[in-house]
């Protein structure tokens, strides 16, 4: 039973990665629309987009590390 709970916890942690992917895709689309409306502001828009994507990607990396820790560290005690 505990192994199943570890797997469920790891799966829930990985769901954060999917959320980050959808968020980055949405932000990229909005940035493309903003550049299409105001081409002269493309430098500022690109800077903000890259910063936002980096922060979102860090969240995905943290979630991935937590999932790996659940599987490797906690899962070993169960099996």
N, C-alpha and C. Protein backbone atom coordinates (compact mmCIF):
# COMPACT_ATOMS: atom_id res chain seq x y z
N UNK A 1 0.82 -1.19 0.00
CA UNK A 1 0.00 0.00 0.00
C UNK A 1 0.87 1.26 0.00
N UNK A 2 1.96 1.27 0.73
CA UNK A 2 2.82 2.45 0.80
C UNK A 2 3.49 2.74 -0.54
N UNK A 3 3.85 1.69 -1.27
CA UNK A 3 4.47 1.90 -2.58
C UNK A 3 3.50 2.61 -3.52
N UNK A 4 2.25 2.28 -3.42
CA UNK A 4 1.24 2.95 -4.24
C UNK A 4 1.10 4.42 -3.89
N UNK A 5 1.20 4.72 -2.59
CA UNK A 5 1.11 6.12 -2.17
C UNK A 5 2.32 6.92 -2.64
N UNK A 6 3.49 6.30 -2.64
CA UNK A 6 4.69 6.97 -3.15
C UNK A 6 4.52 7.26 -4.64
N UNK A 7 3.99 6.31 -5.37
CA UNK A 7 3.78 6.50 -6.81
C UNK A 7 2.76 7.61 -7.07
N UNK A 8 1.71 7.66 -6.26
CA UNK A 8 0.71 8.71 -6.43
C UNK A 8 1.32 10.07 -6.12
N UNK A 9 2.13 10.15 -5.06
CA UNK A 9 2.80 11.41 -4.72
C UNK A 9 3.74 11.87 -5.82
N UNK A 10 4.48 10.95 -6.39
CA UNK A 10 5.39 11.30 -7.49
C UNK A 10 4.61 11.77 -8.71
N UNK A 11 3.51 11.11 -8.98
CA UNK A 11 2.67 11.51 -10.11
C UNK A 11 2.09 12.91 -9.92
N UNK A 12 1.67 13.22 -8.71
CA UNK A 12 1.15 14.55 -8.43
C UNK A 12 2.23 15.62 -8.56
N UNK A 13 3.46 15.28 -8.16
CA UNK A 13 4.55 16.23 -8.31
C UNK A 13 4.85 16.49 -9.78
N UNK A 14 4.73 15.48 -10.60
CA UNK A 14 4.99 15.64 -12.03
C UNK A 14 3.89 16.45 -12.72
N UNK A 15 2.69 16.45 -12.16
CA UNK A 15 1.62 17.27 -12.73
C UNK A 15 2.01 18.74 -12.78
N UNK A 16 2.84 19.17 -11.85
CA UNK A 16 3.31 20.56 -11.87
C UNK A 16 4.08 20.85 -13.15
N UNK A 17 4.79 19.87 -13.66
CA UNK A 17 5.55 20.06 -14.91
C UNK A 17 4.61 20.32 -16.09
N UNK A 18 3.49 19.63 -16.12
CA UNK A 18 2.52 19.86 -17.20
C UNK A 18 1.93 21.27 -17.09
N UNK A 19 1.66 21.69 -15.87
CA UNK A 19 1.13 23.04 -15.67
C UNK A 19 2.11 24.11 -16.12
N UNK A 20 3.38 23.88 -15.84
CA UNK A 20 4.41 24.82 -16.26
C UNK A 20 4.49 24.87 -17.79
N UNK A 21 4.39 23.72 -18.42
CA UNK A 21 4.43 23.69 -19.89
C UNK A 21 3.30 24.48 -20.52
N UNK A 22 2.11 24.33 -19.98
CA UNK A 22 0.97 25.09 -20.49
C UNK A 22 1.14 26.58 -20.20
N UNK A 23 1.68 26.91 -19.04
CA UNK A 23 1.90 28.31 -18.70
C UNK A 23 2.91 28.99 -19.60
N UNK A 24 4.01 28.29 -19.88
CA UNK A 24 5.03 28.85 -20.76
C UNK A 24 4.48 29.02 -22.18
N UNK A 25 3.71 28.06 -22.64
CA UNK A 25 3.12 28.16 -23.98
C UNK A 25 2.16 29.36 -24.06
N UNK A 26 1.37 29.55 -23.02
CA UNK A 26 0.45 30.68 -22.98
C UNK A 26 1.22 32.01 -22.96
N UNK A 27 2.25 32.09 -22.16
CA UNK A 27 3.05 33.31 -22.08
C UNK A 27 3.73 33.63 -23.41
N UNK A 28 4.22 32.61 -24.08
CA UNK A 28 4.86 32.81 -25.38
C UNK A 28 3.87 33.33 -26.41
N UNK A 29 2.67 32.76 -26.39
CA UNK A 29 1.64 33.23 -27.32
C UNK A 29 1.26 34.68 -27.07
N UNK A 30 1.10 35.04 -25.80
CA UNK A 30 0.77 36.43 -25.46
C UNK A 30 1.91 37.38 -25.82
N UNK A 31 3.15 36.93 -25.64
CA UNK A 31 4.30 37.77 -26.01
C UNK A 31 4.34 37.98 -27.53
N UNK A 32 4.03 36.95 -28.29
CA UNK A 32 4.00 37.09 -29.75
C UNK A 32 2.92 38.08 -30.17
N UNK A 33 1.76 38.02 -29.51
CA UNK A 33 0.69 38.98 -29.80
C UNK A 33 1.12 40.40 -29.45
N UNK A 34 1.81 40.55 -28.31
CA UNK A 34 2.26 41.87 -27.89
C UNK A 34 3.28 42.45 -28.86
N UNK A 35 4.18 41.63 -29.33
CA UNK A 35 5.18 42.10 -30.31
C UNK A 35 4.49 42.46 -31.63
N UNK A 36 3.47 41.72 -32.00
CA UNK A 36 2.74 42.03 -33.23
C UNK A 36 2.03 43.38 -33.12
N UNK A 37 1.55 43.70 -31.92
CA UNK A 37 0.86 44.98 -31.72
C UNK A 37 1.83 46.14 -31.56
N UNK A 38 2.97 45.91 -30.89
CA UNK A 38 3.95 46.97 -30.66
C UNK A 38 5.36 46.45 -30.97
N UNK A 39 5.74 46.46 -32.23
CA UNK A 39 7.06 45.94 -32.58
C UNK A 39 8.22 46.71 -31.95
N UNK A 40 8.02 47.98 -31.64
CA UNK A 40 9.11 48.78 -31.06
C UNK A 40 9.41 48.37 -29.61
N UNK A 41 8.50 47.66 -28.96
CA UNK A 41 8.71 47.23 -27.57
C UNK A 41 9.16 45.77 -27.49
N UNK A 42 9.62 45.22 -28.59
CA UNK A 42 9.96 43.79 -28.61
C UNK A 42 11.11 43.45 -27.67
N UNK A 43 12.05 44.35 -27.47
CA UNK A 43 13.17 44.08 -26.57
C UNK A 43 12.72 43.90 -25.13
N UNK A 44 11.87 44.81 -24.66
CA UNK A 44 11.35 44.70 -23.29
C UNK A 44 10.46 43.47 -23.13
N UNK A 45 9.64 43.21 -24.12
CA UNK A 45 8.73 42.06 -24.05
C UNK A 45 9.53 40.76 -24.01
N UNK A 46 10.56 40.67 -24.82
CA UNK A 46 11.39 39.47 -24.85
C UNK A 46 12.11 39.26 -23.51
N UNK A 47 12.60 40.34 -22.93
CA UNK A 47 13.29 40.24 -21.64
C UNK A 47 12.35 39.72 -20.55
N UNK A 48 11.16 40.30 -20.49
CA UNK A 48 10.19 39.87 -19.49
C UNK A 48 9.76 38.43 -19.73
N UNK A 49 9.58 38.06 -20.99
CA UNK A 49 9.19 36.69 -21.33
C UNK A 49 10.25 35.69 -20.89
N UNK A 50 11.50 35.97 -21.16
CA UNK A 50 12.57 35.04 -20.81
C UNK A 50 12.69 34.91 -19.29
N UNK A 51 12.55 36.01 -18.57
CA UNK A 51 12.60 35.96 -17.11
C UNK A 51 11.45 35.13 -16.55
N UNK A 52 10.26 35.36 -17.07
CA UNK A 52 9.10 34.59 -16.61
C UNK A 52 9.22 33.11 -16.92
N UNK A 53 9.71 32.80 -18.10
CA UNK A 53 9.89 31.38 -18.48
C UNK A 53 10.95 30.71 -17.61
N UNK A 54 12.00 31.43 -17.27
CA UNK A 54 13.04 30.86 -16.41
C UNK A 54 12.50 30.56 -15.02
N UNK A 55 11.70 31.46 -14.48
CA UNK A 55 11.12 31.22 -13.16
C UNK A 55 10.14 30.06 -13.19
N UNK A 56 9.35 29.97 -14.24
CA UNK A 56 8.40 28.87 -14.36
C UNK A 56 9.14 27.54 -14.54
N UNK A 57 10.20 27.56 -15.30
CA UNK A 57 10.98 26.33 -15.52
C UNK A 57 11.64 25.86 -14.24
N UNK A 58 12.05 26.81 -13.39
CA UNK A 58 12.63 26.43 -12.10
C UNK A 58 11.61 25.68 -11.26
N UNK A 59 10.36 26.10 -11.33
CA UNK A 59 9.29 25.40 -10.61
C UNK A 59 9.16 23.97 -11.12
N UNK A 60 9.24 23.79 -12.42
CA UNK A 60 9.14 22.44 -12.98
C UNK A 60 10.33 21.58 -12.55
N UNK A 61 11.50 22.16 -12.48
CA UNK A 61 12.68 21.40 -12.05
C UNK A 61 12.53 20.98 -10.59
N UNK A 62 12.04 21.90 -9.74
CA UNK A 62 11.80 21.54 -8.34
C UNK A 62 10.81 20.40 -8.22
N UNK A 63 9.74 20.45 -8.99
CA UNK A 63 8.74 19.38 -8.94
C UNK A 63 9.34 18.05 -9.41
N UNK A 64 10.17 18.10 -10.42
CA UNK A 64 10.81 16.88 -10.93
C UNK A 64 11.76 16.29 -9.88
N UNK A 65 12.51 17.16 -9.21
CA UNK A 65 13.43 16.69 -8.17
C UNK A 65 12.65 16.06 -7.01
N UNK A 66 11.54 16.67 -6.62
CA UNK A 66 10.71 16.11 -5.56
C UNK A 66 10.17 14.74 -5.96
N UNK A 67 9.73 14.61 -7.21
CA UNK A 67 9.24 13.32 -7.68
C UNK A 67 10.33 12.26 -7.64
N UNK A 68 11.54 12.63 -8.07
CA UNK A 68 12.65 11.68 -8.02
C UNK A 68 13.00 11.30 -6.59
N UNK A 69 12.96 12.27 -5.69
CA UNK A 69 13.24 11.97 -4.28
C UNK A 69 12.19 11.04 -3.71
N UNK A 70 10.95 11.25 -4.06
CA UNK A 70 9.89 10.36 -3.57
C UNK A 70 10.13 8.93 -4.04
N UNK A 71 10.51 8.80 -5.29
CA UNK A 71 10.69 7.46 -5.84
C UNK A 71 11.96 6.80 -5.31
N UNK A 72 13.07 7.53 -5.28
CA UNK A 72 14.36 6.95 -4.93
C UNK A 72 14.54 6.78 -3.42
N UNK A 73 14.26 7.82 -2.66
CA UNK A 73 14.57 7.79 -1.23
C UNK A 73 13.44 7.14 -0.43
N UNK A 74 12.25 7.67 -0.58
CA UNK A 74 11.13 7.14 0.20
C UNK A 74 10.70 5.77 -0.34
N UNK A 75 10.76 5.60 -1.64
CA UNK A 75 10.37 4.33 -2.24
C UNK A 75 11.24 3.17 -1.84
N UNK A 76 12.52 3.41 -1.54
CA UNK A 76 13.43 2.33 -1.14
C UNK A 76 13.02 1.73 0.19
N UNK A 77 12.56 2.55 1.11
CA UNK A 77 12.14 2.04 2.41
C UNK A 77 10.88 1.21 2.33
N UNK A 78 10.10 1.40 1.28
CA UNK A 78 8.83 0.69 1.13
C UNK A 78 9.04 -0.68 0.52
N UNK A 79 9.94 -0.75 -0.44
CA UNK A 79 10.09 -1.99 -1.21
C UNK A 79 10.97 -2.98 -0.48
